[in-house]
N, C-alpha and C. Protein backbone atom coordinates (compact mmCIF):
# COMPACT_ATOMS: atom_id res chain seq x y z
N MET A 1 0.82 -1.19 0.00
CA MET A 1 0.00 0.00 0.00
C MET A 1 0.86 1.25 0.00
N VAL A 2 1.78 1.31 0.92
CA VAL A 2 2.58 2.52 1.08
C VAL A 2 3.46 2.76 -0.14
N SER A 3 4.16 1.73 -0.60
CA SER A 3 5.07 1.92 -1.73
C SER A 3 4.34 2.25 -3.03
N SER A 4 3.10 1.80 -3.16
CA SER A 4 2.31 2.09 -4.36
C SER A 4 1.47 3.35 -4.23
N GLY A 5 1.45 3.95 -3.05
CA GLY A 5 0.69 5.17 -2.84
C GLY A 5 -0.80 4.96 -2.74
N TRP A 6 -1.22 3.75 -2.34
CA TRP A 6 -2.64 3.45 -2.23
C TRP A 6 -3.14 3.80 -0.84
N ARG A 7 -4.44 4.11 -0.73
CA ARG A 7 -5.04 4.44 0.55
C ARG A 7 -5.33 3.19 1.38
N ASP A 8 -5.59 2.08 0.73
CA ASP A 8 -5.84 0.83 1.43
C ASP A 8 -5.46 -0.32 0.51
N LEU A 9 -5.68 -1.54 0.95
CA LEU A 9 -5.24 -2.68 0.15
C LEU A 9 -6.18 -3.05 -0.97
N GLY A 10 -7.40 -2.55 -0.96
CA GLY A 10 -8.31 -2.72 -2.09
C GLY A 10 -9.16 -3.98 -2.07
N TYR A 11 -8.67 -5.05 -1.48
CA TYR A 11 -9.45 -6.29 -1.44
C TYR A 11 -10.57 -6.16 -0.42
N ASN A 12 -11.71 -6.74 -0.73
CA ASN A 12 -12.85 -6.68 0.18
C ASN A 12 -12.64 -7.55 1.42
N PHE A 13 -11.94 -8.66 1.24
CA PHE A 13 -11.69 -9.60 2.33
C PHE A 13 -10.27 -10.14 2.25
N LEU A 14 -9.77 -10.56 3.39
CA LEU A 14 -8.49 -11.26 3.47
C LEU A 14 -8.73 -12.56 4.22
N VAL A 15 -8.01 -13.61 3.84
CA VAL A 15 -8.10 -14.90 4.50
C VAL A 15 -6.69 -15.34 4.87
N ASP A 16 -6.49 -15.75 6.13
CA ASP A 16 -5.17 -16.21 6.53
C ASP A 16 -5.09 -17.74 6.49
N LYS A 17 -3.93 -18.28 6.83
CA LYS A 17 -3.69 -19.72 6.72
C LYS A 17 -4.57 -20.56 7.66
N CYS A 18 -5.09 -19.92 8.71
CA CYS A 18 -5.96 -20.63 9.64
C CYS A 18 -7.43 -20.55 9.23
N GLY A 19 -7.71 -19.85 8.13
CA GLY A 19 -9.08 -19.72 7.66
C GLY A 19 -9.83 -18.55 8.28
N THR A 20 -9.12 -17.69 8.98
CA THR A 20 -9.76 -16.51 9.56
C THR A 20 -10.02 -15.51 8.45
N VAL A 21 -11.24 -14.98 8.41
CA VAL A 21 -11.63 -14.00 7.39
C VAL A 21 -11.61 -12.62 8.03
N TYR A 22 -10.98 -11.68 7.34
CA TYR A 22 -10.89 -10.30 7.81
C TYR A 22 -11.57 -9.39 6.80
N GLU A 23 -12.21 -8.35 7.30
CA GLU A 23 -12.74 -7.32 6.41
C GLU A 23 -11.56 -6.52 5.89
N GLY A 24 -11.52 -6.32 4.58
CA GLY A 24 -10.48 -5.51 3.97
C GLY A 24 -10.98 -4.09 3.79
N ARG A 25 -11.45 -3.82 2.62
CA ARG A 25 -11.95 -2.48 2.30
C ARG A 25 -13.18 -2.19 3.16
N ALA A 26 -13.16 -1.05 3.80
CA ALA A 26 -14.24 -0.68 4.72
C ALA A 26 -15.52 -0.35 3.97
N GLY A 27 -16.62 -0.50 4.68
CA GLY A 27 -17.92 -0.13 4.11
C GLY A 27 -19.03 -1.09 4.47
N GLY A 28 -18.66 -2.26 4.98
CA GLY A 28 -19.67 -3.23 5.37
C GLY A 28 -19.58 -4.49 4.55
N VAL A 29 -19.36 -5.61 5.21
CA VAL A 29 -19.14 -6.87 4.49
C VAL A 29 -20.36 -7.34 3.71
N ALA A 30 -21.55 -6.96 4.14
CA ALA A 30 -22.76 -7.40 3.45
C ALA A 30 -23.22 -6.39 2.39
N LYS A 31 -22.45 -5.34 2.19
CA LYS A 31 -22.81 -4.30 1.22
C LYS A 31 -21.98 -4.44 -0.05
N PRO A 32 -22.45 -3.90 -1.15
CA PRO A 32 -21.70 -3.99 -2.42
C PRO A 32 -20.59 -2.95 -2.49
N VAL A 33 -19.58 -3.10 -1.64
CA VAL A 33 -18.46 -2.17 -1.58
C VAL A 33 -17.55 -2.41 -2.79
N ARG A 34 -17.26 -1.34 -3.52
CA ARG A 34 -16.39 -1.47 -4.69
C ARG A 34 -14.94 -1.60 -4.23
N GLY A 35 -14.34 -2.69 -4.63
CA GLY A 35 -12.95 -2.94 -4.29
C GLY A 35 -12.01 -2.33 -5.30
N ALA A 36 -10.73 -2.58 -5.10
CA ALA A 36 -9.68 -2.15 -6.03
C ALA A 36 -8.68 -3.30 -6.12
N HIS A 37 -9.18 -4.45 -6.54
CA HIS A 37 -8.39 -5.68 -6.51
C HIS A 37 -7.96 -6.18 -7.88
N THR A 38 -8.71 -5.90 -8.92
CA THR A 38 -8.34 -6.35 -10.27
C THR A 38 -8.62 -5.21 -11.24
N LEU A 39 -7.58 -4.51 -11.60
CA LEU A 39 -7.72 -3.37 -12.50
C LEU A 39 -8.56 -3.77 -13.70
N GLY A 40 -9.62 -3.01 -13.92
CA GLY A 40 -10.52 -3.28 -15.04
C GLY A 40 -11.79 -3.99 -14.64
N PHE A 41 -11.77 -4.70 -13.50
CA PHE A 41 -12.94 -5.48 -13.09
C PHE A 41 -13.27 -5.28 -11.62
N ASN A 42 -13.17 -4.07 -11.14
CA ASN A 42 -13.49 -3.79 -9.74
C ASN A 42 -14.98 -3.55 -9.52
N THR A 43 -15.71 -3.25 -10.59
CA THR A 43 -17.15 -3.03 -10.49
C THR A 43 -17.88 -4.36 -10.61
N ASN A 44 -18.90 -4.54 -9.79
CA ASN A 44 -19.69 -5.77 -9.79
C ASN A 44 -18.86 -7.02 -9.50
N SER A 45 -17.87 -6.86 -8.64
CA SER A 45 -17.05 -7.99 -8.24
C SER A 45 -16.61 -7.81 -6.79
N MET A 46 -16.02 -8.84 -6.24
CA MET A 46 -15.51 -8.81 -4.88
C MET A 46 -14.15 -9.48 -4.90
N GLY A 47 -13.20 -8.92 -4.17
CA GLY A 47 -11.85 -9.48 -4.14
C GLY A 47 -11.52 -10.09 -2.79
N ILE A 48 -10.93 -11.28 -2.83
CA ILE A 48 -10.45 -11.96 -1.63
C ILE A 48 -8.96 -12.17 -1.79
N ALA A 49 -8.18 -11.65 -0.85
CA ALA A 49 -6.74 -11.90 -0.83
C ALA A 49 -6.47 -13.03 0.15
N VAL A 50 -5.84 -14.08 -0.33
CA VAL A 50 -5.43 -15.17 0.55
C VAL A 50 -3.97 -14.90 0.89
N LEU A 51 -3.69 -14.72 2.16
CA LEU A 51 -2.35 -14.34 2.59
C LEU A 51 -1.39 -15.51 2.42
N GLY A 52 -0.34 -15.31 1.66
CA GLY A 52 0.64 -16.35 1.41
C GLY A 52 1.04 -16.36 -0.05
N SER A 53 1.95 -17.24 -0.37
CA SER A 53 2.43 -17.40 -1.74
C SER A 53 2.15 -18.85 -2.14
N PHE A 54 1.38 -19.02 -3.20
CA PHE A 54 0.92 -20.36 -3.56
C PHE A 54 1.32 -20.78 -4.97
N GLY A 55 2.48 -20.32 -5.39
CA GLY A 55 3.00 -20.77 -6.68
C GLY A 55 3.43 -22.22 -6.61
N ARG A 56 4.13 -22.57 -5.54
CA ARG A 56 4.63 -23.94 -5.36
C ARG A 56 4.08 -24.62 -4.13
N SER A 57 3.65 -23.84 -3.15
CA SER A 57 3.13 -24.45 -1.93
C SER A 57 1.61 -24.50 -1.98
N SER A 58 1.08 -25.55 -1.38
CA SER A 58 -0.38 -25.75 -1.37
C SER A 58 -1.05 -24.81 -0.37
N PRO A 59 -2.18 -24.27 -0.74
CA PRO A 59 -2.92 -23.45 0.23
C PRO A 59 -3.48 -24.35 1.32
N PRO A 60 -3.50 -23.86 2.56
CA PRO A 60 -4.04 -24.67 3.66
C PRO A 60 -5.53 -24.97 3.46
N ALA A 61 -5.94 -26.14 3.88
CA ALA A 61 -7.34 -26.55 3.77
C ALA A 61 -8.25 -25.56 4.49
N ALA A 62 -7.80 -25.02 5.61
CA ALA A 62 -8.63 -24.06 6.35
C ALA A 62 -8.88 -22.81 5.52
N ALA A 63 -7.89 -22.37 4.76
CA ALA A 63 -8.06 -21.19 3.91
C ALA A 63 -9.03 -21.49 2.77
N LEU A 64 -8.91 -22.67 2.17
CA LEU A 64 -9.81 -23.06 1.09
C LEU A 64 -11.25 -23.17 1.59
N ASN A 65 -11.43 -23.73 2.76
CA ASN A 65 -12.78 -23.83 3.33
C ASN A 65 -13.34 -22.44 3.61
N ALA A 66 -12.51 -21.54 4.08
CA ALA A 66 -12.96 -20.17 4.36
C ALA A 66 -13.38 -19.46 3.07
N ILE A 67 -12.63 -19.67 2.00
CA ILE A 67 -12.98 -19.06 0.71
C ILE A 67 -14.34 -19.58 0.23
N ALA A 68 -14.53 -20.89 0.33
CA ALA A 68 -15.81 -21.49 -0.11
C ALA A 68 -16.97 -20.97 0.73
N THR A 69 -16.78 -20.91 2.03
CA THR A 69 -17.84 -20.44 2.93
C THR A 69 -18.15 -18.97 2.68
N LEU A 70 -17.11 -18.17 2.56
CA LEU A 70 -17.28 -16.73 2.32
C LEU A 70 -17.97 -16.47 0.99
N THR A 71 -17.53 -17.13 -0.07
CA THR A 71 -18.13 -16.88 -1.38
C THR A 71 -19.57 -17.40 -1.43
N ALA A 72 -19.83 -18.52 -0.78
CA ALA A 72 -21.21 -19.04 -0.74
C ALA A 72 -22.12 -18.01 -0.08
N TRP A 73 -21.68 -17.46 1.02
CA TRP A 73 -22.49 -16.46 1.74
C TRP A 73 -22.66 -15.18 0.91
N LYS A 74 -21.53 -14.62 0.45
CA LYS A 74 -21.60 -13.33 -0.24
C LYS A 74 -22.39 -13.44 -1.54
N LEU A 75 -22.14 -14.47 -2.33
CA LEU A 75 -22.89 -14.66 -3.58
C LEU A 75 -24.35 -14.96 -3.29
N GLY A 76 -24.62 -15.64 -2.19
CA GLY A 76 -25.99 -15.94 -1.80
C GLY A 76 -26.81 -14.69 -1.51
N LEU A 77 -26.14 -13.62 -1.09
CA LEU A 77 -26.86 -12.36 -0.86
C LEU A 77 -27.52 -11.85 -2.13
N TYR A 78 -26.97 -12.25 -3.27
CA TYR A 78 -27.45 -11.79 -4.58
C TYR A 78 -28.01 -12.95 -5.41
N ASP A 79 -28.22 -14.11 -4.79
CA ASP A 79 -28.72 -15.31 -5.45
C ASP A 79 -27.88 -15.68 -6.68
N VAL A 80 -26.56 -15.64 -6.51
CA VAL A 80 -25.64 -15.96 -7.60
C VAL A 80 -25.05 -17.35 -7.37
N ASN A 81 -25.06 -18.16 -8.40
CA ASN A 81 -24.54 -19.52 -8.36
C ASN A 81 -23.01 -19.49 -8.47
N PRO A 82 -22.29 -20.04 -7.49
CA PRO A 82 -20.83 -20.07 -7.54
C PRO A 82 -20.28 -20.85 -8.74
N LEU A 83 -21.09 -21.70 -9.34
CA LEU A 83 -20.65 -22.48 -10.50
C LEU A 83 -20.91 -21.76 -11.82
N GLY A 84 -21.51 -20.59 -11.74
CA GLY A 84 -21.91 -19.88 -12.95
C GLY A 84 -20.83 -18.98 -13.54
N THR A 85 -21.26 -18.25 -14.55
CA THR A 85 -20.39 -17.27 -15.20
C THR A 85 -21.10 -15.91 -15.18
N ALA A 86 -20.32 -14.89 -15.42
CA ALA A 86 -20.86 -13.53 -15.47
C ALA A 86 -20.12 -12.77 -16.56
N THR A 87 -20.84 -11.90 -17.24
CA THR A 87 -20.21 -11.05 -18.24
C THR A 87 -20.01 -9.68 -17.62
N LEU A 88 -18.76 -9.27 -17.56
CA LEU A 88 -18.39 -7.97 -17.01
C LEU A 88 -17.78 -7.11 -18.11
N VAL A 89 -17.92 -5.82 -17.98
CA VAL A 89 -17.32 -4.90 -18.94
C VAL A 89 -16.03 -4.36 -18.33
N SER A 90 -14.95 -4.53 -19.07
CA SER A 90 -13.65 -4.11 -18.56
C SER A 90 -13.54 -2.59 -18.48
N GLY A 91 -13.00 -2.15 -17.38
CA GLY A 91 -12.70 -0.73 -17.20
C GLY A 91 -11.33 -0.39 -17.76
N GLY A 92 -10.67 -1.38 -18.34
CA GLY A 92 -9.33 -1.20 -18.90
C GLY A 92 -8.28 -1.79 -17.98
N GLY A 93 -7.36 -2.49 -18.56
CA GLY A 93 -6.29 -3.12 -17.79
C GLY A 93 -5.26 -3.67 -18.76
N ASN A 94 -4.40 -4.55 -18.26
CA ASN A 94 -3.33 -5.07 -19.11
C ASN A 94 -3.71 -6.34 -19.86
N LEU A 95 -4.94 -6.83 -19.66
CA LEU A 95 -5.37 -8.04 -20.34
C LEU A 95 -6.55 -7.79 -21.28
N TYR A 96 -7.45 -6.89 -20.87
CA TYR A 96 -8.63 -6.57 -21.67
C TYR A 96 -8.76 -5.07 -21.83
N LYS A 97 -9.06 -4.64 -23.05
CA LYS A 97 -9.22 -3.21 -23.33
C LYS A 97 -10.49 -2.67 -22.67
N LYS A 98 -10.46 -1.40 -22.36
CA LYS A 98 -11.62 -0.74 -21.78
C LYS A 98 -12.83 -0.91 -22.70
N GLY A 99 -13.96 -1.28 -22.10
CA GLY A 99 -15.20 -1.47 -22.86
C GLY A 99 -15.42 -2.89 -23.36
N SER A 100 -14.40 -3.76 -23.23
CA SER A 100 -14.55 -5.14 -23.67
C SER A 100 -15.50 -5.90 -22.75
N SER A 101 -16.42 -6.65 -23.33
CA SER A 101 -17.27 -7.54 -22.54
C SER A 101 -16.54 -8.85 -22.38
N VAL A 102 -16.38 -9.27 -21.14
CA VAL A 102 -15.60 -10.47 -20.84
C VAL A 102 -16.43 -11.42 -19.99
N ARG A 103 -16.50 -12.66 -20.42
CA ARG A 103 -17.24 -13.68 -19.68
C ARG A 103 -16.25 -14.38 -18.74
N LEU A 104 -16.51 -14.27 -17.45
CA LEU A 104 -15.64 -14.86 -16.44
C LEU A 104 -16.45 -15.81 -15.56
N LYS A 105 -15.76 -16.76 -14.95
CA LYS A 105 -16.42 -17.60 -13.96
C LYS A 105 -16.76 -16.72 -12.77
N VAL A 106 -17.87 -17.00 -12.12
CA VAL A 106 -18.29 -16.20 -10.96
C VAL A 106 -17.19 -16.18 -9.90
N ILE A 107 -16.56 -17.31 -9.67
CA ILE A 107 -15.39 -17.35 -8.79
C ILE A 107 -14.19 -17.55 -9.70
N SER A 108 -13.44 -16.47 -9.88
CA SER A 108 -12.28 -16.47 -10.77
C SER A 108 -11.03 -16.12 -9.98
N GLY A 109 -9.91 -16.41 -10.59
CA GLY A 109 -8.63 -15.99 -10.01
C GLY A 109 -8.24 -14.63 -10.57
N HIS A 110 -7.37 -13.96 -9.87
CA HIS A 110 -6.90 -12.64 -10.29
C HIS A 110 -6.40 -12.67 -11.73
N ARG A 111 -5.72 -13.73 -12.11
CA ARG A 111 -5.14 -13.85 -13.46
C ARG A 111 -6.19 -13.93 -14.56
N ASP A 112 -7.42 -14.23 -14.22
CA ASP A 112 -8.47 -14.31 -15.23
C ASP A 112 -8.86 -12.93 -15.77
N GLY A 113 -8.61 -11.89 -14.98
CA GLY A 113 -8.96 -10.55 -15.42
C GLY A 113 -7.78 -9.62 -15.57
N TYR A 114 -6.60 -10.09 -15.18
CA TYR A 114 -5.41 -9.24 -15.19
C TYR A 114 -4.19 -10.13 -15.38
N ALA A 115 -3.27 -9.73 -16.21
CA ALA A 115 -2.09 -10.54 -16.49
C ALA A 115 -1.16 -10.55 -15.27
N THR A 116 -1.25 -11.62 -14.50
CA THR A 116 -0.46 -11.80 -13.28
C THR A 116 -0.38 -13.29 -12.97
N GLU A 117 0.53 -13.68 -12.12
CA GLU A 117 0.60 -15.08 -11.68
C GLU A 117 -0.32 -15.33 -10.49
N CYS A 118 -0.87 -14.28 -9.94
CA CYS A 118 -1.75 -14.37 -8.78
C CYS A 118 -3.02 -15.15 -9.16
N PRO A 119 -3.50 -16.04 -8.37
CA PRO A 119 -3.16 -16.33 -6.98
C PRO A 119 -2.12 -17.43 -6.80
N GLY A 120 -1.33 -17.73 -7.79
CA GLY A 120 -0.37 -18.83 -7.72
C GLY A 120 -1.03 -20.11 -8.23
N ASP A 121 -0.25 -20.93 -8.91
CA ASP A 121 -0.79 -22.14 -9.54
C ASP A 121 -1.47 -23.08 -8.55
N GLN A 122 -0.90 -23.25 -7.37
CA GLN A 122 -1.46 -24.21 -6.42
C GLN A 122 -2.84 -23.78 -5.91
N LEU A 123 -3.05 -22.50 -5.72
CA LEU A 123 -4.37 -22.01 -5.31
C LEU A 123 -5.31 -21.95 -6.52
N TYR A 124 -4.81 -21.46 -7.64
CA TYR A 124 -5.64 -21.36 -8.84
C TYR A 124 -6.21 -22.72 -9.24
N ASN A 125 -5.39 -23.75 -9.14
CA ASN A 125 -5.82 -25.10 -9.53
C ASN A 125 -6.89 -25.67 -8.60
N ARG A 126 -7.11 -25.04 -7.47
CA ARG A 126 -8.13 -25.51 -6.52
C ARG A 126 -9.42 -24.69 -6.56
N LEU A 127 -9.49 -23.73 -7.47
CA LEU A 127 -10.70 -22.91 -7.54
C LEU A 127 -11.92 -23.71 -7.97
N GLY A 128 -11.73 -24.71 -8.81
CA GLY A 128 -12.86 -25.55 -9.24
C GLY A 128 -13.52 -26.24 -8.06
N SER A 129 -12.73 -26.85 -7.19
CA SER A 129 -13.30 -27.51 -6.02
C SER A 129 -13.88 -26.49 -5.04
N THR A 130 -13.32 -25.30 -5.01
CA THR A 130 -13.86 -24.23 -4.16
C THR A 130 -15.23 -23.81 -4.67
N ARG A 131 -15.38 -23.69 -5.98
CA ARG A 131 -16.68 -23.36 -6.57
C ARG A 131 -17.72 -24.42 -6.20
N SER A 132 -17.33 -25.68 -6.34
CA SER A 132 -18.24 -26.78 -6.04
C SER A 132 -18.66 -26.77 -4.58
N ARG A 133 -17.70 -26.56 -3.70
CA ARG A 133 -18.02 -26.52 -2.26
C ARG A 133 -18.94 -25.34 -1.94
N ALA A 134 -18.66 -24.19 -2.52
CA ALA A 134 -19.52 -23.02 -2.29
C ALA A 134 -20.94 -23.29 -2.77
N ALA A 135 -21.07 -23.94 -3.92
CA ALA A 135 -22.40 -24.27 -4.45
C ALA A 135 -23.13 -25.24 -3.50
N ARG A 136 -22.42 -26.24 -3.00
CA ARG A 136 -23.03 -27.19 -2.04
C ARG A 136 -23.48 -26.46 -0.78
N LEU A 137 -22.67 -25.52 -0.32
CA LEU A 137 -23.04 -24.76 0.88
C LEU A 137 -24.29 -23.93 0.65
N GLN A 138 -24.52 -23.55 -0.60
CA GLN A 138 -25.75 -22.82 -0.95
C GLN A 138 -26.92 -23.75 -1.19
N GLY A 139 -26.66 -25.05 -1.16
CA GLY A 139 -27.74 -26.02 -1.40
C GLY A 139 -27.98 -26.27 -2.87
N ARG A 140 -27.01 -26.02 -3.72
CA ARG A 140 -27.16 -26.23 -5.17
C ARG A 140 -26.61 -27.58 -5.58
């Protein structure tokens, strides 16, 4: 934050290795607070930062369970299926030009909307099972 000159970290939520969920960007966890987590796709989305580096190391099961539980709850506020897709309009970034309509999975990784290695291969490869778990938690 400090080195980039940002006012806050931009993510709506943070999850640690023990599965503890923290409020990131202020404004109310149950409200549609606009984050600043994926340049170009901050509108109509929510960002979760999982603390750690998961390029080569596996994300802890507690963190994965927290992501599934959190996304099931938050998406449930809007009756959104975690297994679904959504079309978002890019605000401009390094992967999609401004104004481009992009179809993304409802639960996507940072790299799906922005050219980055985030969230790391080991976490990214587990997003499918996280989607499934979130859907089951919603009763789907």
